[in-house]
PDB file of N, CA and C in Angstrom:
ATOM      1  N   MET A   1      -5.548  -3.047 -17.064  1.00  0.00           N
ATOM      2  CA  MET A   1      -5.804  -1.879 -17.833  1.00  0.00           C
ATOM      3  C   MET A   1      -6.893  -2.191 -18.747  1.00  0.00           C
ATOM      4  N   PRO A   2      -8.041  -1.467 -18.480  1.00  0.00           N
ATOM      5  CA  PRO A   2      -9.237  -1.645 -19.246  1.00  0.00           C
ATOM      6  C   PRO A   2      -9.168  -1.097 -20.742  1.00  0.00           C
ATOM      7  N   THR A   3      -9.683  -1.774 -21.532  1.00  0.00           N
ATOM      8  CA  THR A   3      -9.625  -1.556 -22.921  1.00  0.00           C
ATOM      9  C   THR A   3     -11.084  -1.239 -23.457  1.00  0.00           C
ATOM     10  N   THR A   4     -11.305  -0.735 -24.645  1.00  0.00           N
ATOM     11  CA  THR A   4     -12.423  -0.601 -25.355  1.00  0.00           C
ATOM     12  C   THR A   4     -12.389  -1.178 -26.585  1.00  0.00           C
ATOM     13  N   ALA A   5     -13.672  -1.399 -27.367  1.00  0.00           N
ATOM     14  CA  ALA A   5     -13.511  -1.914 -28.550  1.00  0.00           C
ATOM     15  C   ALA A   5     -12.625  -1.197 -29.625  1.00  0.00           C
ATOM     16  N   SER A   6     -12.557   0.222 -29.303  1.00  0.00           N
ATOM     17  CA  SER A   6     -11.891   0.979 -30.421  1.00  0.00           C
ATOM     18  C   SER A   6      -9.988   0.883 -29.917  1.00  0.00           C
ATOM     19  N   THR A   7      -9.779   0.143 -28.732  1.00  0.00           N
ATOM     20  CA  THR A   7      -8.369   0.008 -28.615  1.00  0.00           C
ATOM     21  C   THR A   7      -7.956  -1.349 -28.969  1.00  0.00           C
ATOM     22  N   PRO A   8      -7.506  -1.301 -30.057  1.00  0.00           N
ATOM     23  CA  PRO A   8      -6.746  -2.986 -30.465  1.00  0.00           C
ATOM     24  C   PRO A   8      -5.760  -3.163 -29.546  1.00  0.00           C
ATOM     25  N   LEU A   9      -5.876  -4.585 -29.275  1.00  0.00           N
ATOM     26  CA  LEU A   9      -4.831  -5.218 -28.336  1.00  0.00           C
ATOM     27  C   LEU A   9      -3.980  -5.833 -29.444  1.00  0.00           C
ATOM     28  N   ASN A  10      -2.531  -5.529 -28.856  1.00  0.00           N
ATOM     29  CA  ASN A  10      -1.482  -6.203 -29.609  1.00  0.00           C
ATOM     30  C   ASN A  10      -0.663  -7.321 -28.779  1.00  0.00           C
ATOM     31  N   LEU A  11      -0.928  -8.313 -29.066  1.00  0.00           N
ATOM     32  CA  LEU A  11      -0.314  -9.592 -28.269  1.00  0.00           C
ATOM     33  C   LEU A  11       1.036  -9.902 -28.736  1.00  0.00           C
ATOM     34  N   LEU A  12       1.967  -9.706 -27.483  1.00  0.00           N
ATOM     35  CA  LEU A  12       3.382 -10.325 -28.037  1.00  0.00           C
ATOM     36  C   LEU A  12       3.801 -11.864 -27.658  1.00  0.00           C
ATOM     37  N   ARG A  13       4.332 -12.202 -28.511  1.00  0.00           N
ATOM     38  CA  ARG A  13       4.948 -13.687 -28.026  1.00  0.00           C
ATOM     39  C   ARG A  13       6.318 -13.584 -27.031  1.00  0.00           C
ATOM     40  N   ALA A  14       6.652 -14.652 -26.596  1.00  0.00           N
ATOM     41  CA  ALA A  14       7.726 -14.485 -25.405  1.00  0.00           C
ATOM     42  C   ALA A  14       8.992 -13.631 -25.950  1.00  0.00           C
ATOM     43  N   ASN A  15       9.460 -14.264 -27.208  1.00  0.00           N
ATOM     44  CA  ASN A  15      10.800 -13.709 -27.898  1.00  0.00           C
ATOM     45  C   ASN A  15      10.486 -12.196 -28.154  1.00  0.00           C
ATOM     46  N   GLN A  16       9.289 -11.694 -28.477  1.00  0.00           N
ATOM     47  CA  GLN A  16       9.045 -10.365 -28.600  1.00  0.00           C
ATOM     48  C   GLN A  16       9.123  -9.554 -27.271  1.00  0.00           C
ATOM     49  N   VAL A  17       8.598 -10.172 -26.297  1.00  0.00           N
ATOM     50  CA  VAL A  17       8.859  -9.693 -24.893  1.00  0.00           C
ATOM     51  C   VAL A  17      10.220  -9.509 -24.516  1.00  0.00           C
ATOM     52  N   CYS A  18      10.954 -10.585 -24.700  1.00  0.00           N
ATOM     53  CA  CYS A  18      12.361 -10.645 -24.257  1.00  0.00           C
ATOM     54  C   CYS A  18      13.123  -9.760 -24.946  1.00  0.00           C
ATOM     55  N   SER A  19      12.773  -9.589 -26.500  1.00  0.00           N
ATOM     56  CA  SER A  19      13.433  -8.502 -27.216  1.00  0.00           C
ATOM     57  C   SER A  19      13.155  -7.081 -26.659  1.00  0.00           C
ATOM     58  N   LYS A  20      11.910  -6.631 -26.294  1.00  0.00           N
ATOM     59  CA  LYS A  20      11.593  -5.497 -25.912  1.00  0.00           C
ATOM     60  C   LYS A  20      12.330  -5.092 -24.726  1.00  0.00           C
ATOM     61  N   LEU A  21      12.387  -6.066 -23.667  1.00  0.00           N
ATOM     62  CA  LEU A  21      12.893  -5.746 -22.462  1.00  0.00           C
ATOM     63  C   LEU A  21      14.317  -6.119 -22.331  1.00  0.00           C
ATOM     64  N   ARG A  22      14.965  -6.729 -23.583  1.00  0.00           N
ATOM     65  CA  ARG A  22      16.311  -7.153 -23.589  1.00  0.00           C
ATOM     66  C   ARG A  22      16.692  -7.992 -22.424  1.00  0.00           C
ATOM     67  N   ILE A  23      16.007  -9.033 -22.299  1.00  0.00           N
ATOM     68  CA  ILE A  23      16.281 -10.077 -21.355  1.00  0.00           C
ATOM     69  C   ILE A  23      15.993 -11.427 -21.925  1.00  0.00           C
ATOM     70  N   SER A  24      16.584 -12.471 -21.248  1.00  0.00           N
ATOM     71  CA  SER A  24      16.417 -13.833 -21.834  1.00  0.00           C
ATOM     72  C   SER A  24      15.091 -14.693 -21.439  1.00  0.00           C
ATOM     73  N   LYS A  25      15.154 -15.569 -22.098  1.00  0.00           N
ATOM     74  CA  LYS A  25      13.491 -16.266 -21.797  1.00  0.00           C
ATOM     75  C   LYS A  25      13.772 -16.829 -20.395  1.00  0.00           C
ATOM     76  N   THR A  26      14.807 -17.190 -20.072  1.00  0.00           N
ATOM     77  CA  THR A  26      14.979 -17.801 -18.687  1.00  0.00           C
ATOM     78  C   THR A  26      14.521 -16.613 -17.659  1.00  0.00           C
ATOM     79  N   THR A  27      14.965 -15.347 -17.824  1.00  0.00           N
ATOM     80  CA  THR A  27      14.718 -14.124 -16.926  1.00  0.00           C
ATOM     81  C   THR A  27      12.936 -13.957 -17.017  1.00  0.00           C
ATOM     82  N   LEU A  28      12.787 -13.882 -18.307  1.00  0.00           N
ATOM     83  CA  LEU A  28      11.224 -13.779 -18.466  1.00  0.00           C
ATOM     84  C   LEU A  28      10.275 -14.592 -17.558  1.00  0.00           C
ATOM     85  N   TYR A  29      10.488 -15.837 -17.675  1.00  0.00           N
ATOM     86  CA  TYR A  29       9.961 -16.798 -16.785  1.00  0.00           C
ATOM     87  C   TYR A  29      10.166 -16.800 -15.290  1.00  0.00           C
ATOM     88  N   ALA A  30      11.402 -16.577 -15.097  1.00  0.00           N
ATOM     89  CA  ALA A  30      11.613 -16.118 -13.513  1.00  0.00           C
ATOM     90  C   ALA A  30      10.901 -15.176 -12.979  1.00  0.00           C
ATOM     91  N   LYS A  31      10.431 -14.167 -13.734  1.00  0.00           N
ATOM     92  CA  LYS A  31       9.693 -13.032 -13.306  1.00  0.00           C
ATOM     93  C   LYS A  31       8.272 -13.306 -12.894  1.00  0.00           C
ATOM     94  N   LEU A  32       7.804 -14.557 -13.590  1.00  0.00           N
ATOM     95  CA  LEU A  32       6.480 -14.986 -13.528  1.00  0.00           C
ATOM     96  C   LEU A  32       6.780 -16.059 -12.472  1.00  0.00           C
ATOM     97  N   ASP A  33       7.689 -16.740 -12.019  1.00  0.00           N
ATOM     98  CA  ASP A  33       7.832 -17.871 -11.163  1.00  0.00           C
ATOM     99  C   ASP A  33       7.710 -17.394  -9.490  1.00  0.00           C
ATOM    100  N   LYS A  34       6.982 -17.900  -9.076  1.00  0.00           N
ATOM    101  CA  LYS A  34       6.509 -17.185  -7.310  1.00  0.00           C
ATOM    102  C   LYS A  34       7.696 -17.792  -6.627  1.00  0.00           C
ATOM    103  N   SER A  35       8.571 -18.820  -6.838  1.00  0.00           N
ATOM    104  CA  SER A  35       9.427 -19.433  -6.197  1.00  0.00           C
ATOM    105  C   SER A  35      10.754 -18.798  -6.542  1.00  0.00           C
ATOM    106  N   SER A  36      10.884 -17.878  -7.423  1.00  0.00           N
ATOM    107  CA  SER A  36      12.233 -17.709  -8.005  1.00  0.00           C
ATOM    108  C   SER A  36      12.363 -16.152  -7.296  1.00  0.00           C
ATOM    109  N   LYS A  37      13.759 -16.110  -7.021  1.00  0.00           N
ATOM    110  CA  LYS A  37      14.050 -14.761  -6.238  1.00  0.00           C
ATOM    111  C   LYS A  37      14.054 -13.576  -7.095  1.00  0.00           C
ATOM    112  N   TYR A  38      13.798 -13.803  -8.526  1.00  0.00           N
ATOM    113  CA  TYR A  38      13.477 -12.741  -9.585  1.00  0.00           C
ATOM    114  C   TYR A  38      11.963 -12.340  -9.744  1.00  0.00           C
ATOM    115  N   TYR A  39      11.189 -13.204  -9.137  1.00  0.00           N
ATOM    116  CA  TYR A  39       9.702 -13.044  -9.003  1.00  0.00           C
ATOM    117  C   TYR A  39       9.355 -11.679  -9.016  1.00  0.00           C
ATOM    118  N   ASP A  40       8.392 -11.132 -10.084  1.00  0.00           N
ATOM    119  CA  ASP A  40       7.850  -9.574 -10.092  1.00  0.00           C
ATOM    120  C   ASP A  40       6.322  -9.790 -10.034  1.00  0.00           C
ATOM    121  N   PRO A  41       5.731  -9.478  -8.881  1.00  0.00           N
ATOM    122  CA  PRO A  41       4.216  -9.803  -8.916  1.00  0.00           C
ATOM    123  C   PRO A  41       3.827  -8.776  -9.889  1.00  0.00           C
ATOM    124  N   GLU A  42       4.381  -7.603  -9.870  1.00  0.00           N
ATOM    125  CA  GLU A  42       3.740  -6.668 -10.855  1.00  0.00           C
ATOM    126  C   GLU A  42       3.958  -6.915 -12.264  1.00  0.00           C
ATOM    127  N   PHE A  43       4.841  -7.833 -12.656  1.00  0.00           N
ATOM    128  CA  PHE A  43       5.025  -8.240 -14.198  1.00  0.00           C
ATOM    129  C   PHE A  43       3.804  -8.614 -14.735  1.00  0.00           C
ATOM    130  N   PRO A  44       3.383  -8.258 -15.946  1.00  0.00           N
ATOM    131  CA  PRO A  44       2.030  -8.769 -16.691  1.00  0.00           C
ATOM    132  C   PRO A  44       2.031 -10.296 -16.793  1.00  0.00           C
ATOM    133  N   LYS A  45       0.949 -10.613 -16.467  1.00  0.00           N
ATOM    134  CA  LYS A  45       0.547 -12.308 -16.673  1.00  0.00           C
ATOM    135  C   LYS A  45       0.447 -12.804 -18.131  1.00  0.00           C
ATOM    136  N   GLN A  46       0.941 -13.824 -18.340  1.00  0.00           N
ATOM    137  CA  GLN A  46       0.824 -14.513 -19.875  1.00  0.00           C
ATOM    138  C   GLN A  46      -0.732 -14.815 -19.991  1.00  0.00           C
ATOM    139  N   ILE A  47      -1.183 -14.836 -21.149  1.00  0.00           N
ATOM    140  CA  ILE A  47      -2.368 -15.295 -21.578  1.00  0.00           C
ATOM    141  C   ILE A  47      -2.215 -16.504 -22.787  1.00  0.00           C
ATOM    142  N   LYS A  48      -2.933 -17.609 -21.887  1.00  0.00           N
ATOM    143  CA  LYS A  48      -2.730 -18.736 -22.785  1.00  0.00           C
ATOM    144  C   LYS A  48      -3.749 -18.691 -24.236  1.00  0.00           C
ATOM    145  N   LEU A  49      -2.716 -18.893 -25.239  1.00  0.00           N
ATOM    146  CA  LEU A  49      -3.389 -18.794 -26.478  1.00  0.00           C
ATOM    147  C   LEU A  49      -3.783 -20.210 -27.180  1.00  0.00           C
ATOM    148  N   GLY A  50      -3.269 -20.854 -26.706  1.00  0.00           N
ATOM    149  CA  GLY A  50      -3.589 -22.283 -27.357  1.00  0.00           C
ATOM    150  C   GLY A  50      -2.889 -23.470 -26.549  1.00  0.00           C
ATOM    151  N   VAL A  51      -2.809 -24.494 -26.799  1.00  0.00           N
ATOM    152  CA  VAL A  51      -2.276 -25.776 -26.122  1.00  0.00           C
ATOM    153  C   VAL A  51      -0.817 -25.524 -25.498  1.00  0.00           C
ATOM    154  N   SER A  52       0.173 -25.039 -26.408  1.00  0.00           N
ATOM    155  CA  SER A  52       1.423 -24.704 -26.057  1.00  0.00           C
ATOM    156  C   SER A  52       1.595 -23.447 -26.413  1.00  0.00           C
ATOM    157  N   SER A  53       0.793 -22.472 -26.242  1.00  0.00           N
ATOM    158  CA  SER A  53       1.190 -20.965 -26.873  1.00  0.00           C
ATOM    159  C   SER A  53       0.902 -19.982 -25.790  1.00  0.00           C
ATOM    160  N   VAL A  54       1.558 -19.085 -25.566  1.00  0.00           N
ATOM    161  CA  VAL A  54       1.230 -17.904 -24.646  1.00  0.00           C
ATOM    162  C   VAL A  54       1.353 -16.675 -25.223  1.00  0.00           C
ATOM    163  N   GLY A  55       1.135 -15.615 -24.684  1.00  0.00           N
ATOM    164  CA  GLY A  55       1.154 -14.156 -25.291  1.00  0.00           C
ATOM    165  C   GLY A  55       1.072 -13.083 -24.097  1.00  0.00           C
ATOM    166  N   TRP A  56       1.527 -12.091 -24.169  1.00  0.00           N
ATOM    167  CA  TRP A  56       1.573 -10.894 -23.437  1.00  0.00           C
ATOM    168  C   TRP A  56       0.613  -9.755 -23.953  1.00  0.00           C
ATOM    169  N   ILE A  57      -0.044  -8.971 -23.391  1.00  0.00           N
ATOM    170  CA  ILE A  57      -0.774  -7.622 -24.072  1.00  0.00           C
ATOM    171  C   ILE A  57       0.418  -6.686 -23.996  1.00  0.00           C
ATOM    172  N   GLU A  58       0.914  -6.265 -25.056  1.00  0.00           N
ATOM    173  CA  GLU A  58       1.720  -5.398 -25.266  1.00  0.00           C
ATOM    174  C   GLU A  58       1.602  -4.041 -24.393  1.00  0.00           C
ATOM    175  N   GLN A  59       0.409  -3.503 -24.381  1.00  0.00           N
ATOM    176  CA  GLN A  59       0.117  -2.351 -23.686  1.00  0.00           C
ATOM    177  C   GLN A  59       0.383  -2.347 -22.067  1.00  0.00           C
ATOM    178  N   GLN A  60       0.028  -3.732 -21.420  1.00  0.00           N
ATOM    179  CA  GLN A  60       0.500  -4.007 -20.249  1.00  0.00           C
ATOM    180  C   GLN A  60       1.949  -4.139 -20.001  1.00  0.00           C
ATOM    181  N   VAL A  61       2.657  -4.563 -21.012  1.00  0.00           N
ATOM    182  CA  VAL A  61       4.259  -4.571 -20.805  1.00  0.00           C
ATOM    183  C   VAL A  61       4.727  -3.283 -20.956  1.00  0.00           C
ATOM    184  N   ASP A  62       4.293  -2.484 -21.787  1.00  0.00           N
ATOM    185  CA  ASP A  62       4.598  -0.980 -21.779  1.00  0.00           C
ATOM    186  C   ASP A  62       4.188  -0.281 -20.374  1.00  0.00           C
ATOM    187  N   GLN A  63       2.975  -0.435 -20.099  1.00  0.00           N
ATOM    188  CA  GLN A  63       2.772  -0.053 -18.588  1.00  0.00           C
ATOM    189  C   GLN A  63       3.726  -0.439 -17.573  1.00  0.00           C
ATOM    190  N   TRP A  64       3.947  -1.665 -17.483  1.00  0.00           N
ATOM    191  CA  TRP A  64       5.154  -2.417 -16.637  1.00  0.00           C
ATOM    192  C   TRP A  64       6.412  -1.406 -16.681  1.00  0.00           C
ATOM    193  N   ILE A  65       6.730  -1.246 -18.000  1.00  0.00           N
ATOM    194  CA  ILE A  65       8.075  -0.485 -18.126  1.00  0.00           C
ATOM    195  C   ILE A  65       8.011   1.024 -17.670  1.00  0.00           C
ATOM    196  N   THR A  66       6.953   1.608 -17.767  1.00  0.00           N
ATOM    197  CA  THR A  66       6.874   3.052 -17.626  1.00  0.00           C
ATOM    198  C   THR A  66       6.513   3.131 -16.139  1.00  0.00           C
ATOM    199  N   ASN A  67       6.016   2.075 -15.357  1.00  0.00           N
ATOM    200  CA  ASN A  67       5.804   2.096 -13.795  1.00  0.00           C
ATOM    201  C   ASN A  67       7.215   1.854 -13.187  1.00  0.00           C
ATOM    202  N   LYS A  68       8.104   1.071 -13.751  1.00  0.00           N
ATOM    203  CA  LYS A  68       9.522   0.875 -13.408  1.00  0.00           C
ATOM    204  C   LYS A  68      10.397   2.160 -13.574  1.00  0.00           C
ATOM    205  N   LEU A  69      10.084   2.981 -14.777  1.00  0.00           N
ATOM    206  CA  LEU A  69      10.857   3.914 -14.846  1.00  0.00           C
ATOM    207  C   LEU A  69      10.386   5.075 -13.828  1.00  0.00           C
ATOM    208  N   LEU A  70       9.062   5.101 -13.364  1.00  0.00           N
ATOM    209  CA  LEU A  70       8.651   6.259 -12.417  1.00  0.00           C
ATOM    210  C   LEU A  70       8.948   5.965 -11.098  1.00  0.00           C
ATOM    211  N   ILE A  71       9.282   4.415 -10.628  1.00  0.00           N
ATOM    212  CA  ILE A  71       9.642   4.215  -9.411  1.00  0.00           C
ATOM    213  C   ILE A  71      10.932   4.065  -9.226  1.00  0.00           C
ATOM    214  N   GLY A  72      11.626   4.094 -10.288  1.00  0.00           N
ATOM    215  CA  GLY A  72      13.182   4.022 -10.129  1.00  0.00           C
ATOM    216  C   GLY A  72      13.877   2.680  -9.788  1.00  0.00           C
TER     217      GLY A  72
END
């Protein structure tokens, strides 16, 4: 999803994504793991924020939710 300088990005940490989706961290990371049966190639990729820190762009997570609702 392209953004402009006027569109602020809000980064979510793993626990915030889990809370928003009402899933566990295990499920969150399973959605990202290509070898998992729960892998979802459409799920937003995490962004490395530091050595041991990652985040997700909230707008991408929201778009993923919207797409899931539209697809059913």
